[in-house]
Amino acid sequence: MEKVVSGIRPTGNLHLGNYFGAVKSFVAMQAQYQCMFFIADWHSLTTHPKPENIQNSARTILAEYLACGIDPQKAPIYVQSDVKETLELYLYLNMNTYLGELERVTTFKEKARKQPDNVNAGLLTYPTLMAADVLQHRAHKVPVGKDQEQNMEMMRKCARRFNNIYGIEFFPEPQNFYFNATALKVPGLDGSGKMGKSEGNCIYLRDDDKTIRKKVMKAVTDNGPQEPNSQRPEVIENLFTFLKIASTPDTYQYFDEKWNDCTLRYGDLKKQIAEDLVNIVAPIREKIEEYSSNTTLLDKVAKEGADHARQSAAETLNEVRKIIGFRVY
């Protein structure tokens, strides 16, 4: 059975972009693959969070994972920092990765532009830590969003380079896995291309019904269709993307026809989207509150997940040390 590994940075509550872009695929995969999912708290250090933020966010994400349907008996869930073996592999991968390659990564350049006073080494080597997270388990697939495609190529490059340097086919080259045929990018409500915490354009899985409706009704629109069967501008296409992922095909077709014959009312479209999103989020939110109140269960799930992950990573690291020429403990 193929191995699957993926994680999410604990930078607050999960939003619909996380859910449709990654977590929903996690749930679908756990019955078909040997899965492990983790909470990437080391990655969050690139933005210097406070200790209490790291601790609270890890439990928050864990509760949300469980509420979304990840079964830790099928797919262990662990906190990245509980698996120290990751750092050793991270070191080896950094030794084989070139500065120029890391500086050309688009996500590094974007983050450096957004936080010019905090362009740290961890930000630069983010792709190699991400590679260590996955390669330590010799995983075959990684559920990722479209924005991670370049980091995935860096991960495959790390695997190939290790194999080439030591003349051994040890690491598989992990492939991108998408829940749909292509990567799903959930748009922001402000008309931007992507839903994200830093952009402040999210619907969170903890949002109540009133908040969801309010956010959707404020979504950016234009003056409406001017000619029959015209192409939709990006801000309107974003709304139809929400309709596609949250509503029935018949509902999508109804509003698509309204656009094409120039009778579409944005108020009606937004109300439909809001109600369909409420129907998705409400049951998840209720489960999040239930799991969040049971810290004993959360800690138990995290410990069992870490034990499983450490055993998997230790087996890989023992082989890596042997291949490189270091003593095996």
C-alpha atoms as a PDB file:
ATOM      1  CA  MET A   1       0.000   0.000   0.000  1.00  0.00           C
ATOM      2  CA  GLU A   2       1.391   3.414  -0.978  1.00  0.00           C
ATOM      3  CA  LYS A   3       2.369   5.836   1.778  1.00  0.00           C
ATOM      4  CA  VAL A   4       0.876   9.315   1.991  1.00  0.00           C
ATOM      5  CA  VAL A   5       2.177  12.125   4.208  1.00  0.00           C
ATOM      6  CA  SER A   6       1.066  15.729   4.492  1.00  0.00           C
ATOM      7  CA  GLY A   7       0.667  18.474   7.056  1.00  0.00           C
ATOM      8  CA  ILE A   8      -0.658  21.954   7.767  1.00  0.00           C
ATOM      9  CA  ARG A   9       1.047  24.807   9.594  1.00  0.00           C
ATOM     10  CA  PRO A  10      -0.711  25.665  12.893  1.00  0.00           C
ATOM     11  CA  THR A  11      -1.261  29.354  12.220  1.00  0.00           C
ATOM     12  CA  GLY A  12      -4.739  29.528  13.698  1.00  0.00           C
ATOM     13  CA  ASN A  13      -8.038  27.930  12.790  1.00  0.00           C
ATOM     14  CA  LEU A  14      -8.505  26.018   9.552  1.00  0.00           C
ATOM     15  CA  HIS A  15     -10.477  27.776   6.833  1.00  0.00           C
ATOM     16  CA  LEU A  16     -12.392  26.535   3.810  1.00  0.00           C
ATOM     17  CA  GLY A  17      -9.277  26.818   1.672  1.00  0.00           C
ATOM     18  CA  ASN A  18      -7.549  24.315   3.960  1.00  0.00           C
ATOM     19  CA  TYR A  19     -10.611  22.088   4.034  1.00  0.00           C
ATOM     20  CA  PHE A  20     -11.334  21.874   0.310  1.00  0.00           C
ATOM     21  CA  GLY A  21      -7.690  22.204  -0.712  1.00  0.00           C
ATOM     22  CA  ALA A  22      -6.214  19.566   1.604  1.00  0.00           C
ATOM     23  CA  VAL A  23      -8.156  18.148   4.551  1.00  0.00           C
ATOM     24  CA  LYS A  24     -11.049  16.799   2.488  1.00  0.00           C
ATOM     25  CA  SER A  25      -8.561  14.836   0.417  1.00  0.00           C
ATOM     26  CA  PHE A  26      -6.915  13.567   3.636  1.00  0.00           C
ATOM     27  CA  VAL A  27     -10.239  12.048   4.674  1.00  0.00           C
ATOM     28  CA  ALA A  28     -10.772  10.471   1.257  1.00  0.00           C
ATOM     29  CA  MET A  29      -7.290   8.954   1.179  1.00  0.00           C
ATOM     30  CA  GLN A  30      -7.182   7.303   4.597  1.00  0.00           C
ATOM     31  CA  ALA A  31      -9.215   4.309   3.438  1.00  0.00           C
ATOM     32  CA  GLN A  32      -7.063   3.669   0.359  1.00  0.00           C
ATOM     33  CA  TYR A  33      -3.516   4.535   1.421  1.00  0.00           C
ATOM     34  CA  GLN A  34      -1.154   4.218   4.373  1.00  0.00           C
ATOM     35  CA  CYS A  35      -1.530   7.789   5.611  1.00  0.00           C
ATOM     36  CA  MET A  36       0.136   9.991   8.213  1.00  0.00           C
ATOM     37  CA  PHE A  37      -0.844  13.616   8.782  1.00  0.00           C
ATOM     38  CA  PHE A  38       1.042  16.103  10.907  1.00  0.00           C
ATOM     39  CA  ILE A  39       0.815  19.583  12.393  1.00  0.00           C
ATOM     40  CA  ALA A  40       3.830  21.520  11.128  1.00  0.00           C
ATOM     41  CA  ASP A  41       4.722  23.585  14.182  1.00  0.00           C
ATOM     42  CA  TRP A  42       8.444  23.863  13.302  1.00  0.00           C
ATOM     43  CA  HIS A  43       7.466  25.496  10.016  1.00  0.00           C
ATOM     44  CA  SER A  44       5.552  28.153  11.943  1.00  0.00           C
ATOM     45  CA  LEU A  45       8.798  29.374  13.540  1.00  0.00           C
ATOM     46  CA  THR A  46       9.580  31.224  10.298  1.00  0.00           C
ATOM     47  CA  THR A  47       7.156  33.899  11.549  1.00  0.00           C
ATOM     48  CA  HIS A  48       8.288  33.815  15.225  1.00  0.00           C
ATOM     49  CA  PRO A  49       5.044  32.870  17.018  1.00  0.00           C
ATOM     50  CA  LYS A  50       4.815  33.047  20.818  1.00  0.00           C
ATOM     51  CA  PRO A  51       5.081  29.766  22.791  1.00  0.00           C
ATOM     52  CA  GLU A  52       1.423  29.837  23.814  1.00  0.00           C
ATOM     53  CA  ASN A  53       0.399  30.281  20.186  1.00  0.00           C
ATOM     54  CA  ILE A  54       2.324  27.173  19.156  1.00  0.00           C
ATOM     55  CA  GLN A  55       0.828  25.025  21.909  1.00  0.00           C
ATOM     56  CA  ASN A  56      -2.739  26.236  21.508  1.00  0.00           C
ATOM     57  CA  SER A  57      -2.668  26.112  17.719  1.00  0.00           C
ATOM     58  CA  ALA A  58      -1.453  22.508  17.652  1.00  0.00           C
ATOM     59  CA  ARG A  59      -4.415  21.359  19.734  1.00  0.00           C
ATOM     60  CA  THR A  60      -6.760  23.512  17.670  1.00  0.00           C
ATOM     61  CA  ILE A  61      -5.642  21.956  14.381  1.00  0.00           C
ATOM     62  CA  LEU A  62      -5.783  18.461  15.892  1.00  0.00           C
ATOM     63  CA  ALA A  63      -9.393  18.983  17.004  1.00  0.00           C
ATOM     64  CA  GLU A  64     -10.256  20.303  13.558  1.00  0.00           C
ATOM     65  CA  TYR A  65      -8.593  17.346  11.830  1.00  0.00           C
ATOM     66  CA  LEU A  66     -10.705  14.949  13.899  1.00  0.00           C
ATOM     67  CA  ALA A  67     -13.864  16.972  13.325  1.00  0.00           C
ATOM     68  CA  CYS A  68     -13.331  16.872   9.563  1.00  0.00           C
ATOM     69  CA  GLY A  69     -13.258  13.084   9.638  1.00  0.00           C
ATOM     70  CA  ILE A  70      -9.637  11.991   9.906  1.00  0.00           C
ATOM     71  CA  ASP A  71      -9.567   8.735  11.861  1.00  0.00           C
ATOM     72  CA  PRO A  72      -6.294   8.426  13.846  1.00  0.00           C
ATOM     73  CA  GLN A  73      -6.697   4.639  13.865  1.00  0.00           C
ATOM     74  CA  LYS A  74      -6.456   4.666  10.072  1.00  0.00           C
ATOM     75  CA  ALA A  75      -4.236   7.715   9.649  1.00  0.00           C
ATOM     76  CA  PRO A  76      -2.018   8.645  12.635  1.00  0.00           C
ATOM     77  CA  ILE A  77      -1.874  12.374  13.388  1.00  0.00           C
ATOM     78  CA  TYR A  78       1.226  13.815  15.037  1.00  0.00           C
ATOM     79  CA  VAL A  79       2.855  17.100  15.923  1.00  0.00           C
ATOM     80  CA  GLN A  80       5.969  17.745  13.833  1.00  0.00           C
ATOM     81  CA  SER A  81       8.128  18.776  16.804  1.00  0.00           C
ATOM     82  CA  ASP A  82       7.455  15.434  18.539  1.00  0.00           C
ATOM     83  CA  VAL A  83       9.511  13.643  15.871  1.00  0.00           C
ATOM     84  CA  LYS A  84      13.132  14.731  16.387  1.00  0.00           C
ATOM     85  CA  GLU A  85      14.368  12.473  13.587  1.00  0.00           C
ATOM     86  CA  THR A  86      12.990  15.019  11.131  1.00  0.00           C
ATOM     87  CA  LEU A  87      15.739  17.470  12.034  1.00  0.00           C
ATOM     88  CA  GLU A  88      18.536  15.018  11.305  1.00  0.00           C
ATOM     89  CA  LEU A  89      17.229  14.333   7.818  1.00  0.00           C
ATOM     90  CA  TYR A  90      16.658  18.073   7.355  1.00  0.00           C
ATOM     91  CA  LEU A  91      20.382  18.570   8.044  1.00  0.00           C
ATOM     92  CA  TYR A  92      21.442  15.963   5.469  1.00  0.00           C
ATOM     93  CA  LEU A  93      19.124  17.386   2.808  1.00  0.00           C
ATOM     94  CA  ASN A  94      20.415  20.926   3.421  1.00  0.00           C
ATOM     95  CA  MET A  95      23.960  19.700   2.813  1.00  0.00           C
ATOM     96  CA  ASN A  96      22.944  18.595  -0.685  1.00  0.00           C
ATOM     97  CA  THR A  97      20.790  21.601  -1.613  1.00  0.00           C
ATOM     98  CA  TYR A  98      22.246  24.705  -3.275  1.00  0.00           C
ATOM     99  CA  LEU A  99      21.659  28.290  -2.208  1.00  0.00           C
ATOM    100  CA  GLY A 100      20.615  29.398  -5.689  1.00  0.00           C
ATOM    101  CA  GLU A 101      17.928  26.718  -5.859  1.00  0.00           C
ATOM    102  CA  LEU A 102      16.401  27.831  -2.591  1.00  0.00           C
ATOM    103  CA  GLU A 103      16.531  31.536  -3.482  1.00  0.00           C
ATOM    104  CA  ARG A 104      14.589  30.871  -6.698  1.00  0.00           C
ATOM    105  CA  VAL A 105      11.623  29.285  -4.891  1.00  0.00           C
ATOM    106  CA  THR A 106       8.611  31.529  -5.474  1.00  0.00           C
ATOM    107  CA  THR A 107       7.155  31.101  -1.992  1.00  0.00           C
ATOM    108  CA  PHE A 108      10.482  32.217  -0.461  1.00  0.00           C
ATOM    109  CA  LYS A 109      10.558  35.339  -2.609  1.00  0.00           C
ATOM    110  CA  GLU A 110       6.942  36.158  -1.737  1.00  0.00           C
ATOM    111  CA  LYS A 111       7.489  35.670   2.011  1.00  0.00           C
ATOM    112  CA  ALA A 112      10.705  37.695   1.908  1.00  0.00           C
ATOM    113  CA  ARG A 113       8.795  40.530   0.256  1.00  0.00           C
ATOM    114  CA  LYS A 114       6.014  40.395   2.863  1.00  0.00           C
ATOM    115  CA  GLN A 115       8.365  40.196   5.879  1.00  0.00           C
ATOM    116  CA  PRO A 116      11.559  42.031   4.808  1.00  0.00           C
ATOM    117  CA  ASP A 117      12.719  42.415   8.420  1.00  0.00           C
ATOM    118  CA  ASN A 118      12.499  38.662   9.076  1.00  0.00           C
ATOM    119  CA  VAL A 119      14.099  36.858   6.128  1.00  0.00           C
ATOM    120  CA  ASN A 120      15.514  34.021   8.224  1.00  0.00           C
ATOM    121  CA  ALA A 121      17.366  30.845   7.286  1.00  0.00           C
ATOM    122  CA  GLY A 122      14.315  28.761   8.160  1.00  0.00           C
ATOM    123  CA  LEU A 123      12.317  30.667   5.577  1.00  0.00           C
ATOM    124  CA  LEU A 124      14.997  29.974   2.982  1.00  0.00           C
ATOM    125  CA  THR A 125      15.229  26.256   3.789  1.00  0.00           C
ATOM    126  CA  TYR A 126      11.473  25.762   4.171  1.00  0.00           C
ATOM    127  CA  PRO A 127      11.445  23.373   1.151  1.00  0.00           C
ATOM    128  CA  THR A 128      14.096  21.079   2.629  1.00  0.00           C
ATOM    129  CA  LEU A 129      12.271  20.834   5.957  1.00  0.00           C
ATOM    130  CA  MET A 130       9.114  20.046   4.016  1.00  0.00           C
ATOM    131  CA  ALA A 131      11.086  17.412   2.106  1.00  0.00           C
ATOM    132  CA  ALA A 132      12.355  15.889   5.372  1.00  0.00           C
ATOM    133  CA  ASP A 133       8.778  15.691   6.691  1.00  0.00           C
ATOM    134  CA  VAL A 134       7.816  13.484   3.766  1.00  0.00           C
ATOM    135  CA  LEU A 135      11.008  11.637   2.831  1.00  0.00           C
ATOM    136  CA  GLN A 136      11.583  10.413   6.403  1.00  0.00           C
ATOM    137  CA  HIS A 137       8.581   8.147   5.843  1.00  0.00           C
ATOM    138  CA  ARG A 138       9.579   7.364   2.227  1.00  0.00           C
ATOM    139  CA  ALA A 139       6.126   8.491   1.168  1.00  0.00           C
ATOM    140  CA  HIS A 140       4.812   8.180  -2.377  1.00  0.00           C
ATOM    141  CA  LYS A 141       2.088  10.849  -2.439  1.00  0.00           C
ATOM    142  CA  VAL A 142       1.524  14.258  -0.858  1.00  0.00           C
ATOM    143  CA  PRO A 143      -1.876  15.996  -0.875  1.00  0.00           C
ATOM    144  CA  VAL A 144      -1.011  19.628  -1.629  1.00  0.00           C
ATOM    145  CA  GLY A 145      -2.524  22.812  -2.951  1.00  0.00           C
ATOM    146  CA  LYS A 146      -1.480  24.421  -6.204  1.00  0.00           C
ATOM    147  CA  ASP A 147       0.750  26.903  -4.348  1.00  0.00           C
ATOM    148  CA  GLN A 148       2.994  24.045  -3.157  1.00  0.00           C
ATOM    149  CA  GLU A 149       3.861  22.635  -6.573  1.00  0.00           C
ATOM    150  CA  GLN A 150       7.326  24.234  -6.665  1.00  0.00           C
ATOM    151  CA  ASN A 151       8.115  22.987  -3.157  1.00  0.00           C
ATOM    152  CA  MET A 152       7.067  19.518  -4.295  1.00  0.00           C
ATOM    153  CA  GLU A 153       9.493  19.699  -7.207  1.00  0.00           C
ATOM    154  CA  MET A 154      12.236  20.678  -4.737  1.00  0.00           C
ATOM    155  CA  MET A 155      11.275  17.646  -2.653  1.00  0.00           C
ATOM    156  CA  ARG A 156      11.680  15.352  -5.640  1.00  0.00           C
ATOM    157  CA  LYS A 157      14.994  17.023  -6.425  1.00  0.00           C
ATOM    158  CA  CYS A 158      16.187  16.289  -2.867  1.00  0.00           C
ATOM    159  CA  ALA A 159      15.223  12.631  -3.273  1.00  0.00           C
ATOM    160  CA  ARG A 160      16.889  12.318  -6.696  1.00  0.00           C
ATOM    161  CA  ARG A 161      20.066  14.054  -5.574  1.00  0.00           C
ATOM    162  CA  PHE A 162      20.470  11.829  -2.512  1.00  0.00           C
ATOM    163  CA  ASN A 163      19.930   8.735  -4.646  1.00  0.00           C
ATOM    164  CA  ASN A 164      22.406   9.964  -7.284  1.00  0.00           C
ATOM    165  CA  ILE A 165      25.121  11.021  -4.813  1.00  0.00           C
ATOM    166  CA  TYR A 166      25.124   7.663  -3.044  1.00  0.00           C
ATOM    167  CA  GLY A 167      24.304   5.506  -6.062  1.00  0.00           C
ATOM    168  CA  ILE A 168      21.235   3.910  -4.545  1.00  0.00           C
ATOM    169  CA  GLU A 169      17.507   4.006  -5.253  1.00  0.00           C
ATOM    170  CA  PHE A 170      16.470   4.684  -1.680  1.00  0.00           C
ATOM    171  CA  PHE A 171      14.030   7.589  -1.610  1.00  0.00           C
ATOM    172  CA  PRO A 172      10.950   7.475  -3.832  1.00  0.00           C
ATOM    173  CA  GLU A 173      10.091  10.747  -5.585  1.00  0.00           C
ATOM    174  CA  PRO A 174       6.792  11.818  -3.956  1.00  0.00           C
ATOM    175  CA  GLN A 175       4.046  12.862  -6.331  1.00  0.00           C
ATOM    176  CA  ASN A 176       1.435  15.591  -5.895  1.00  0.00           C
ATOM    177  CA  PHE A 177      -1.983  14.230  -5.045  1.00  0.00           C
ATOM    178  CA  TYR A 178      -5.126  16.235  -5.736  1.00  0.00           C
ATOM    179  CA  PHE A 179      -8.606  15.434  -4.482  1.00  0.00           C
ATOM    180  CA  ASN A 180      -9.891  16.540  -7.878  1.00  0.00           C
ATOM    181  CA  ALA A 181      -8.230  16.008 -11.243  1.00  0.00           C
ATOM    182  CA  THR A 182      -6.223  19.194 -10.721  1.00  0.00           C
ATOM    183  CA  ALA A 183      -5.165  21.221  -7.715  1.00  0.00           C
ATOM    184  CA  LEU A 184      -8.082  23.094  -6.154  1.00  0.00           C
ATOM    185  CA  LYS A 185      -7.481  26.727  -5.275  1.00  0.00           C
ATOM    186  CA  VAL A 186     -10.259  28.136  -3.102  1.00  0.00           C
ATOM    187  CA  PRO A 187     -10.649  31.866  -3.837  1.00  0.00           C
ATOM    188  CA  GLY A 188     -10.791  34.668  -1.323  1.00  0.00           C
ATOM    189  CA  LEU A 189     -13.976  36.604  -0.621  1.00  0.00           C
ATOM    190  CA  ASP A 190     -12.248  39.889  -1.411  1.00  0.00           C
ATOM    191  CA  GLY A 191     -11.874  39.090  -5.097  1.00  0.00           C
ATOM    192  CA  SER A 192      -8.280  37.885  -4.714  1.00  0.00           C
ATOM    193  CA  GLY A 193      -6.995  34.654  -6.180  1.00  0.00           C
ATOM    194  CA  LYS A 194      -6.638  32.620  -2.993  1.00  0.00           C
ATOM    195  CA  MET A 195      -8.203  32.301   0.436  1.00  0.00           C
ATOM    196  CA  GLY A 196      -5.553  32.891   3.098  1.00  0.00           C
ATOM    197  CA  LYS A 197      -5.232  33.991   6.724  1.00  0.00           C
ATOM    198  CA  SER A 198      -2.790  36.801   5.994  1.00  0.00           C
ATOM    199  CA  GLU A 199      -5.184  38.237   3.391  1.00  0.00           C
ATOM    200  CA  GLY A 200      -8.074  38.306   5.878  1.00  0.00           C
ATOM    201  CA  ASN A 201     -10.499  36.875   3.317  1.00  0.00           C
ATOM    202  CA  CYS A 202     -11.350  33.533   4.949  1.00  0.00           C
ATOM    203  CA  ILE A 203     -14.351  31.600   6.122  1.00  0.00           C
ATOM    204  CA  TYR A 204     -13.169  29.520   9.077  1.00  0.00           C
ATOM    205  CA  LEU A 205     -14.468  26.115  10.119  1.00  0.00           C
ATOM    206  CA  ARG A 206     -15.290  27.651  13.514  1.00  0.00           C
ATOM    207  CA  ASP A 207     -17.322  30.535  12.077  1.00  0.00           C
ATOM    208  CA  ASP A 208     -20.963  30.580  13.190  1.00  0.00           C
ATOM    209  CA  ASP A 209     -23.830  30.729  10.718  1.00  0.00           C
ATOM    210  CA  LYS A 210     -24.344  34.475  11.082  1.00  0.00           C
ATOM    211  CA  THR A 211     -20.664  35.211  10.464  1.00  0.00           C
ATOM    212  CA  ILE A 212     -20.577  33.018   7.352  1.00  0.00           C
ATOM    213  CA  ARG A 213     -23.635  34.737   5.876  1.00  0.00           C
ATOM    214  CA  LYS A 214     -22.204  38.177   6.647  1.00  0.00           C
ATOM    215  CA  LYS A 215     -18.842  37.381   5.047  1.00  0.00           C
ATOM    216  CA  VAL A 216     -20.383  35.954   1.883  1.00  0.00           C
ATOM    217  CA  MET A 217     -22.784  38.872   1.431  1.00  0.00           C
ATOM    218  CA  LYS A 218     -19.777  41.236   1.541  1.00  0.00           C
ATOM    219  CA  ALA A 219     -17.970  39.342  -1.230  1.00  0.00           C
ATOM    220  CA  VAL A 220     -16.723  41.567  -4.058  1.00  0.00           C
ATOM    221  CA  THR A 221     -18.828  41.725  -7.233  1.00  0.00           C
ATOM    222  CA  ASP A 222     -19.200  43.969 -10.293  1.00  0.00           C
ATOM    223  CA  ASN A 223     -22.091  45.587 -12.214  1.00  0.00           C
ATOM    224  CA  GLY A 224     -23.403  42.275 -13.485  1.00  0.00           C
ATOM    225  CA  PRO A 225     -23.460  40.599 -16.916  1.00  0.00           C
ATOM    226  CA  GLN A 226     -23.760  43.081 -19.785  1.00  0.00           C
ATOM    227  CA  GLU A 227     -24.035  40.702 -22.745  1.00  0.00           C
ATOM    228  CA  PRO A 228     -25.467  37.169 -23.057  1.00  0.00           C
ATOM    229  CA  ASN A 229     -22.975  34.294 -22.732  1.00  0.00           C
ATOM    230  CA  SER A 230     -20.114  36.657 -21.877  1.00  0.00           C
ATOM    231  CA  GLN A 231     -16.979  35.587 -20.037  1.00  0.00           C
ATOM    232  CA  ARG A 232     -17.150  36.074 -16.283  1.00  0.00           C
ATOM    233  CA  PRO A 233     -14.547  38.394 -14.702  1.00  0.00           C
ATOM    234  CA  GLU A 234     -12.318  36.897 -11.993  1.00  0.00           C
ATOM    235  CA  VAL A 235     -14.258  38.280  -9.016  1.00  0.00           C
ATOM    236  CA  ILE A 236     -17.471  36.660 -10.321  1.00  0.00           C
ATOM    237  CA  GLU A 237     -15.743  33.459 -11.355  1.00  0.00           C
ATOM    238  CA  ASN A 238     -14.559  33.237  -7.748  1.00  0.00           C
ATOM    239  CA  LEU A 239     -18.191  33.172  -6.581  1.00  0.00           C
ATOM    240  CA  PHE A 240     -19.003  30.466  -9.109  1.00  0.00           C
ATOM    241  CA  THR A 241     -16.044  28.481  -7.758  1.00  0.00           C
ATOM    242  CA  PHE A 242     -17.706  28.544  -4.322  1.00  0.00           C
ATOM    243  CA  LEU A 243     -20.932  27.459  -5.975  1.00  0.00           C
ATOM    244  CA  LYS A 244     -19.132  24.574  -7.672  1.00  0.00           C
ATOM    245  CA  ILE A 245     -17.531  23.242  -4.491  1.00  0.00           C
ATOM    246  CA  ALA A 246     -20.440  23.845  -2.085  1.00  0.00           C
ATOM    247  CA  SER A 247     -23.652  23.466  -4.098  1.00  0.00           C
ATOM    248  CA  THR A 248     -25.317  20.809  -6.248  1.00  0.00           C
ATOM    249  CA  PRO A 249     -24.659  20.598 -10.000  1.00  0.00           C
ATOM    250  CA  ASP A 250     -28.287  21.633 -10.638  1.00  0.00           C
ATOM    251  CA  THR A 251     -27.798  24.760  -8.540  1.00  0.00           C
ATOM    252  CA  TYR A 252     -24.617  25.641 -10.391  1.00  0.00           C
ATOM    253  CA  GLN A 253     -26.349  25.149 -13.729  1.00  0.00           C
ATOM    254  CA  TYR A 254     -29.263  27.365 -12.621  1.00  0.00           C
ATOM    255  CA  PHE A 255     -27.058  30.332 -11.784  1.00  0.00           C
ATOM    256  CA  ASP A 256     -24.848  29.725 -14.804  1.00  0.00           C
ATOM    257  CA  GLU A 257     -27.921  30.073 -17.016  1.00  0.00           C
ATOM    258  CA  LYS A 258     -28.904  33.225 -15.134  1.00  0.00           C
ATOM    259  CA  TRP A 259     -25.490  34.678 -15.927  1.00  0.00           C
ATOM    260  CA  ASN A 260     -25.693  33.709 -19.576  1.00  0.00           C
ATOM    261  CA  ASP A 261     -29.120  35.317 -20.110  1.00  0.00           C
ATOM    262  CA  CYS A 262     -28.173  38.435 -18.070  1.00  0.00           C
ATOM    263  CA  THR A 263     -30.823  37.910 -15.377  1.00  0.00           C
ATOM    264  CA  LEU A 264     -28.452  37.029 -12.540  1.00  0.00           C
ATOM    265  CA  ARG A 265     -28.991  38.838  -9.228  1.00  0.00           C
ATOM    266  CA  TYR A 266     -25.830  38.763  -7.117  1.00  0.00           C
ATOM    267  CA  GLY A 267     -27.861  38.937  -3.916  1.00  0.00           C
ATOM    268  CA  ASP A 268     -29.595  35.670  -4.793  1.00  0.00           C
ATOM    269  CA  LEU A 269     -26.284  34.052  -5.772  1.00  0.00           C
ATOM    270  CA  LYS A 270     -24.615  35.077  -2.512  1.00  0.00           C
ATOM    271  CA  LYS A 271     -27.537  33.891  -0.393  1.00  0.00           C
ATOM    272  CA  GLN A 272     -27.396  30.491  -2.075  1.00  0.00           C
ATOM    273  CA  ILE A 273     -23.628  30.214  -1.546  1.00  0.00           C
ATOM    274  CA  ALA A 274     -23.955  31.302   2.083  1.00  0.00           C
ATOM    275  CA  GLU A 275     -26.605  28.706   2.906  1.00  0.00           C
ATOM    276  CA  ASP A 276     -24.700  25.915   1.186  1.00  0.00           C
ATOM    277  CA  LEU A 277     -21.516  26.840   3.062  1.00  0.00           C
ATOM    278  CA  VAL A 278     -23.435  26.991   6.350  1.00  0.00           C
ATOM    279  CA  ASN A 279     -24.673  23.449   5.702  1.00  0.00           C
ATOM    280  CA  ILE A 280     -21.063  22.289   5.235  1.00  0.00           C
ATOM    281  CA  VAL A 281     -19.475  24.179   8.130  1.00  0.00           C
ATOM    282  CA  ALA A 282     -22.143  23.840  10.865  1.00  0.00           C
ATOM    283  CA  PRO A 283     -21.759  20.082  11.565  1.00  0.00           C
ATOM    284  CA  ILE A 284     -17.965  20.369  11.433  1.00  0.00           C
ATOM    285  CA  ARG A 285     -18.040  23.313  13.860  1.00  0.00           C
ATOM    286  CA  GLU A 286     -20.136  21.344  16.349  1.00  0.00           C
ATOM    287  CA  LYS A 287     -17.643  18.471  16.285  1.00  0.00           C
ATOM    288  CA  ILE A 288     -14.703  20.882  16.681  1.00  0.00           C
ATOM    289  CA  GLU A 289     -16.218  22.228  19.896  1.00  0.00           C
ATOM    290  CA  GLU A 290     -16.766  18.686  21.157  1.00  0.00           C
ATOM    291  CA  TYR A 291     -13.191  17.577  20.477  1.00  0.00           C
ATOM    292  CA  SER A 292     -11.675  20.831  21.743  1.00  0.00           C
ATOM    293  CA  SER A 293     -13.187  20.279  25.171  1.00  0.00           C
ATOM    294  CA  ASN A 294     -11.561  16.833  25.461  1.00  0.00           C
ATOM    295  CA  THR A 295      -7.862  17.698  25.874  1.00  0.00           C
ATOM    296  CA  THR A 296      -7.125  14.226  27.293  1.00  0.00           C
ATOM    297  CA  LEU A 297      -8.242  12.647  24.021  1.00  0.00           C
ATOM    298  CA  LEU A 298      -6.299  15.185  21.946  1.00  0.00           C
ATOM    299  CA  ASP A 299      -3.078  14.539  23.857  1.00  0.00           C
ATOM    300  CA  LYS A 300      -3.588  10.769  23.549  1.00  0.00           C
ATOM    301  CA  VAL A 301      -4.080  11.006  19.780  1.00  0.00           C
ATOM    302  CA  ALA A 302      -0.971  13.192  19.434  1.00  0.00           C
ATOM    303  CA  LYS A 303       1.201  10.840  21.526  1.00  0.00           C
ATOM    304  CA  GLU A 304       0.101   7.706  19.674  1.00  0.00           C
ATOM    305  CA  GLY A 305       0.638   9.495  16.372  1.00  0.00           C
ATOM    306  CA  ALA A 306       4.125  10.602  17.409  1.00  0.00           C
ATOM    307  CA  ASP A 307       5.064   7.064  18.477  1.00  0.00           C
ATOM    308  CA  HIS A 308       4.009   5.745  15.089  1.00  0.00           C
ATOM    309  CA  ALA A 309       5.789   8.525  13.182  1.00  0.00           C
ATOM    310  CA  ARG A 310       9.019   8.204  15.170  1.00  0.00           C
ATOM    311  CA  GLN A 311       9.199   4.485  14.507  1.00  0.00           C
ATOM    312  CA  SER A 312       8.742   5.089  10.780  1.00  0.00           C
ATOM    313  CA  ALA A 313      11.274   7.944  10.712  1.00  0.00           C
ATOM    314  CA  ALA A 314      13.846   6.075  12.819  1.00  0.00           C
ATOM    315  CA  GLU A 315      13.842   3.157  10.383  1.00  0.00           C
ATOM    316  CA  THR A 316      14.550   5.552   7.522  1.00  0.00           C
ATOM    317  CA  LEU A 317      17.243   7.468   9.406  1.00  0.00           C
ATOM    318  CA  ASN A 318      19.084   4.303  10.356  1.00  0.00           C
ATOM    319  CA  GLU A 319      19.318   3.411   6.674  1.00  0.00           C
ATOM    320  CA  VAL A 320      20.302   6.975   5.737  1.00  0.00           C
ATOM    321  CA  ARG A 321      23.126   7.013   8.303  1.00  0.00           C
ATOM    322  CA  LYS A 322      24.360   3.674   7.002  1.00  0.00           C
ATOM    323  CA  ILE A 323      24.242   4.897   3.384  1.00  0.00           C
ATOM    324  CA  ILE A 324      26.118   8.129   4.169  1.00  0.00           C
ATOM    325  CA  GLY A 325      28.688   6.350   6.325  1.00  0.00           C
ATOM    326  CA  PHE A 326      27.734   7.359   9.865  1.00  0.00           C
ATOM    327  CA  ARG A 327      27.412   5.062  12.843  1.00  0.00           C
ATOM    328  CA  VAL A 328      23.976   3.449  13.264  1.00  0.00           C
ATOM    329  CA  TYR A 329      22.618   3.516  16.801  1.00  0.00           C
END
